Amino acid sequence: MKKSIKIALVIFIVLIFVAVIVLGGLVMAELFKKRDISGTPFESRYVLDESGNFIANIPFERYLYTPEYPSDEKIFDIRDYGASTAADFIGTCLSTDCT
């Protein structure tokens, strides 16, 4: 009698384990379907560019744009005040005779 109870318990635990795995898989499948993939390579169709390479037809106009600056704020270019874009320029001068 004890052996049959152990077998029934093992079968019950295995069935619960399988049910949890199947239910988790179904939930993950639904979440995967409902995710937002707009504007990504997953949604985009691939097209050929001028060189013959496949590229994703991603709507760059949704992501890359020139921002419009407010007209009532002052905008300064830090290069006008001594900043440099040169790679070898390091602004670590501590004395007053730096140029």
C-alpha atoms as a PDB file:
ATOM      1  CA  MET A   1       0.000   0.000   0.000  1.00  0.00           C
ATOM      2  CA  LYS A   2       2.784   2.434   0.817  1.00  0.00           C
ATOM      3  CA  LYS A   3       4.440   1.742  -2.531  1.00  0.00           C
ATOM      4  CA  SER A   4       1.280   2.652  -4.449  1.00  0.00           C
ATOM      5  CA  ILE A   5       0.946   5.886  -2.465  1.00  0.00           C
ATOM      6  CA  LYS A   6       4.544   6.809  -3.310  1.00  0.00           C
ATOM      7  CA  ILE A   7       3.972   6.106  -7.008  1.00  0.00           C
ATOM      8  CA  ALA A   8       0.768   8.158  -6.987  1.00  0.00           C
ATOM      9  CA  LEU A   9       2.562  11.018  -5.225  1.00  0.00           C
ATOM     10  CA  VAL A  10       5.433  10.967  -7.740  1.00  0.00           C
ATOM     11  CA  ILE A  11       2.966  10.956 -10.652  1.00  0.00           C
ATOM     12  CA  PHE A  12       1.048  13.853  -9.078  1.00  0.00           C
ATOM     13  CA  ILE A  13       4.235  15.901  -8.584  1.00  0.00           C
ATOM     14  CA  VAL A  14       5.368  15.207 -12.155  1.00  0.00           C
ATOM     15  CA  LEU A  15       1.952  16.249 -13.511  1.00  0.00           C
ATOM     16  CA  ILE A  16       2.046  19.478 -11.479  1.00  0.00           C
ATOM     17  CA  PHE A  17       5.579  20.158 -12.731  1.00  0.00           C
ATOM     18  CA  VAL A  18       4.567  19.587 -16.374  1.00  0.00           C
ATOM     19  CA  ALA A  19       1.466  21.756 -15.937  1.00  0.00           C
ATOM     20  CA  VAL A  20       3.546  24.622 -14.543  1.00  0.00           C
ATOM     21  CA  ILE A  21       5.996  24.377 -17.445  1.00  0.00           C
ATOM     22  CA  VAL A  22       3.203  24.328 -20.038  1.00  0.00           C
ATOM     23  CA  LEU A  23       1.393  27.225 -18.368  1.00  0.00           C
ATOM     24  CA  GLY A  24       4.617  29.241 -18.168  1.00  0.00           C
ATOM     25  CA  GLY A  25       5.271  28.583 -21.842  1.00  0.00           C
ATOM     26  CA  LEU A  26       1.790  29.761 -22.785  1.00  0.00           C
ATOM     27  CA  VAL A  27       2.169  32.938 -20.726  1.00  0.00           C
ATOM     28  CA  MET A  28       5.574  33.670 -22.287  1.00  0.00           C
ATOM     29  CA  ALA A  29       4.143  33.105 -25.777  1.00  0.00           C
ATOM     30  CA  GLU A  30       1.357  35.618 -25.128  1.00  0.00           C
ATOM     31  CA  LEU A  31       3.803  38.179 -23.741  1.00  0.00           C
ATOM     32  CA  PHE A  32       6.041  37.653 -26.766  1.00  0.00           C
ATOM     33  CA  LYS A  33       3.118  38.324 -29.114  1.00  0.00           C
ATOM     34  CA  LYS A  34       2.055  41.520 -27.310  1.00  0.00           C
ATOM     35  CA  ARG A  35       5.437  43.233 -27.095  1.00  0.00           C
ATOM     36  CA  ASP A  36       5.958  46.475 -28.974  1.00  0.00           C
ATOM     37  CA  ILE A  37       8.366  45.960 -31.857  1.00  0.00           C
ATOM     38  CA  SER A  38       7.433  48.978 -33.943  1.00  0.00           C
ATOM     39  CA  GLY A  39      10.422  50.570 -35.621  1.00  0.00           C
ATOM     40  CA  THR A  40      12.815  47.725 -34.856  1.00  0.00           C
ATOM     41  CA  PRO A  41      14.582  45.327 -37.222  1.00  0.00           C
ATOM     42  CA  PHE A  42      12.130  42.626 -36.117  1.00  0.00           C
ATOM     43  CA  GLU A  43       9.244  44.563 -37.604  1.00  0.00           C
ATOM     44  CA  SER A  44      11.056  46.168 -40.513  1.00  0.00           C
ATOM     45  CA  ARG A  45      11.432  44.648 -43.920  1.00  0.00           C
ATOM     46  CA  TYR A  46      14.936  44.302 -45.251  1.00  0.00           C
ATOM     47  CA  VAL A  47      15.805  46.113 -48.465  1.00  0.00           C
ATOM     48  CA  LEU A  48      18.890  46.360 -50.649  1.00  0.00           C
ATOM     49  CA  ASP A  49      20.981  49.505 -50.407  1.00  0.00           C
ATOM     50  CA  GLU A  50      23.084  50.996 -53.199  1.00  0.00           C
ATOM     51  CA  SER A  51      25.953  48.579 -52.491  1.00  0.00           C
ATOM     52  CA  GLY A  52      23.734  45.498 -52.638  1.00  0.00           C
ATOM     53  CA  ASN A  53      23.744  44.913 -48.878  1.00  0.00           C
ATOM     54  CA  PHE A  54      20.599  43.975 -47.004  1.00  0.00           C
ATOM     55  CA  ILE A  55      19.653  46.657 -44.510  1.00  0.00           C
ATOM     56  CA  ALA A  56      16.652  47.055 -42.252  1.00  0.00           C
ATOM     57  CA  ASN A  57      14.113  49.591 -43.391  1.00  0.00           C
ATOM     58  CA  ILE A  58      14.034  51.301 -39.995  1.00  0.00           C
ATOM     59  CA  PRO A  59      12.159  54.628 -39.882  1.00  0.00           C
ATOM     60  CA  PHE A  60      15.102  56.803 -38.866  1.00  0.00           C
ATOM     61  CA  GLU A  61      12.980  59.938 -39.023  1.00  0.00           C
ATOM     62  CA  ARG A  62      11.306  58.742 -35.817  1.00  0.00           C
ATOM     63  CA  TYR A  63      14.643  58.640 -33.997  1.00  0.00           C
ATOM     64  CA  LEU A  64      17.130  60.962 -35.717  1.00  0.00           C
ATOM     65  CA  TYR A  65      16.162  64.590 -36.044  1.00  0.00           C
ATOM     66  CA  THR A  66      17.536  68.045 -35.421  1.00  0.00           C
ATOM     67  CA  PRO A  67      15.984  69.430 -32.260  1.00  0.00           C
ATOM     68  CA  GLU A  68      14.326  72.805 -32.292  1.00  0.00           C
ATOM     69  CA  TYR A  69      15.868  75.048 -29.676  1.00  0.00           C
ATOM     70  CA  PRO A  70      13.703  77.444 -27.709  1.00  0.00           C
ATOM     71  CA  SER A  71      14.066  80.999 -28.965  1.00  0.00           C
ATOM     72  CA  ASP A  72      13.836  82.572 -25.507  1.00  0.00           C
ATOM     73  CA  GLU A  73      16.958  80.817 -24.158  1.00  0.00           C
ATOM     74  CA  LYS A  74      20.558  81.780 -24.825  1.00  0.00           C
ATOM     75  CA  ILE A  75      22.655  79.075 -26.420  1.00  0.00           C
ATOM     76  CA  PHE A  76      26.434  79.296 -26.152  1.00  0.00           C
ATOM     77  CA  ASP A  77      29.168  77.519 -28.067  1.00  0.00           C
ATOM     78  CA  ILE A  78      31.818  76.507 -25.538  1.00  0.00           C
ATOM     79  CA  ARG A  79      34.487  76.722 -28.248  1.00  0.00           C
ATOM     80  CA  ASP A  80      34.054  80.499 -28.113  1.00  0.00           C
ATOM     81  CA  TYR A  81      35.360  80.402 -24.543  1.00  0.00           C
ATOM     82  CA  GLY A  82      38.479  78.295 -25.009  1.00  0.00           C
ATOM     83  CA  ALA A  83      37.243  74.737 -25.457  1.00  0.00           C
ATOM     84  CA  SER A  84      38.909  72.717 -28.173  1.00  0.00           C
ATOM     85  CA  THR A  85      37.750  69.813 -30.290  1.00  0.00           C
ATOM     86  CA  ALA A  86      41.325  68.709 -31.018  1.00  0.00           C
ATOM     87  CA  ALA A  87      42.130  65.208 -29.757  1.00  0.00           C
ATOM     88  CA  ASP A  88      45.545  66.205 -28.390  1.00  0.00           C
ATOM     89  CA  PHE A  89      44.192  69.138 -26.372  1.00  0.00           C
ATOM     90  CA  ILE A  90      43.913  68.381 -22.664  1.00  0.00           C
ATOM     91  CA  GLY A  91      42.593  71.106 -20.406  1.00  0.00           C
ATOM     92  CA  THR A  92      44.561  70.242 -17.277  1.00  0.00           C
ATOM     93  CA  CYS A  93      46.699  73.364 -16.987  1.00  0.00           C
ATOM     94  CA  LEU A  94      46.907  74.479 -13.370  1.00  0.00           C
ATOM     95  CA  SER A  95      49.149  77.519 -13.654  1.00  0.00           C
ATOM     96  CA  THR A  96      48.065  80.989 -14.783  1.00  0.00           C
ATOM     97  CA  ASP A  97      50.436  81.180 -17.794  1.00  0.00           C
ATOM     98  CA  CYS A  98      48.664  78.444 -19.814  1.00  0.00           C
ATOM     99  CA  THR A  99      47.577  79.243 -23.324  1.00  0.00           C
END
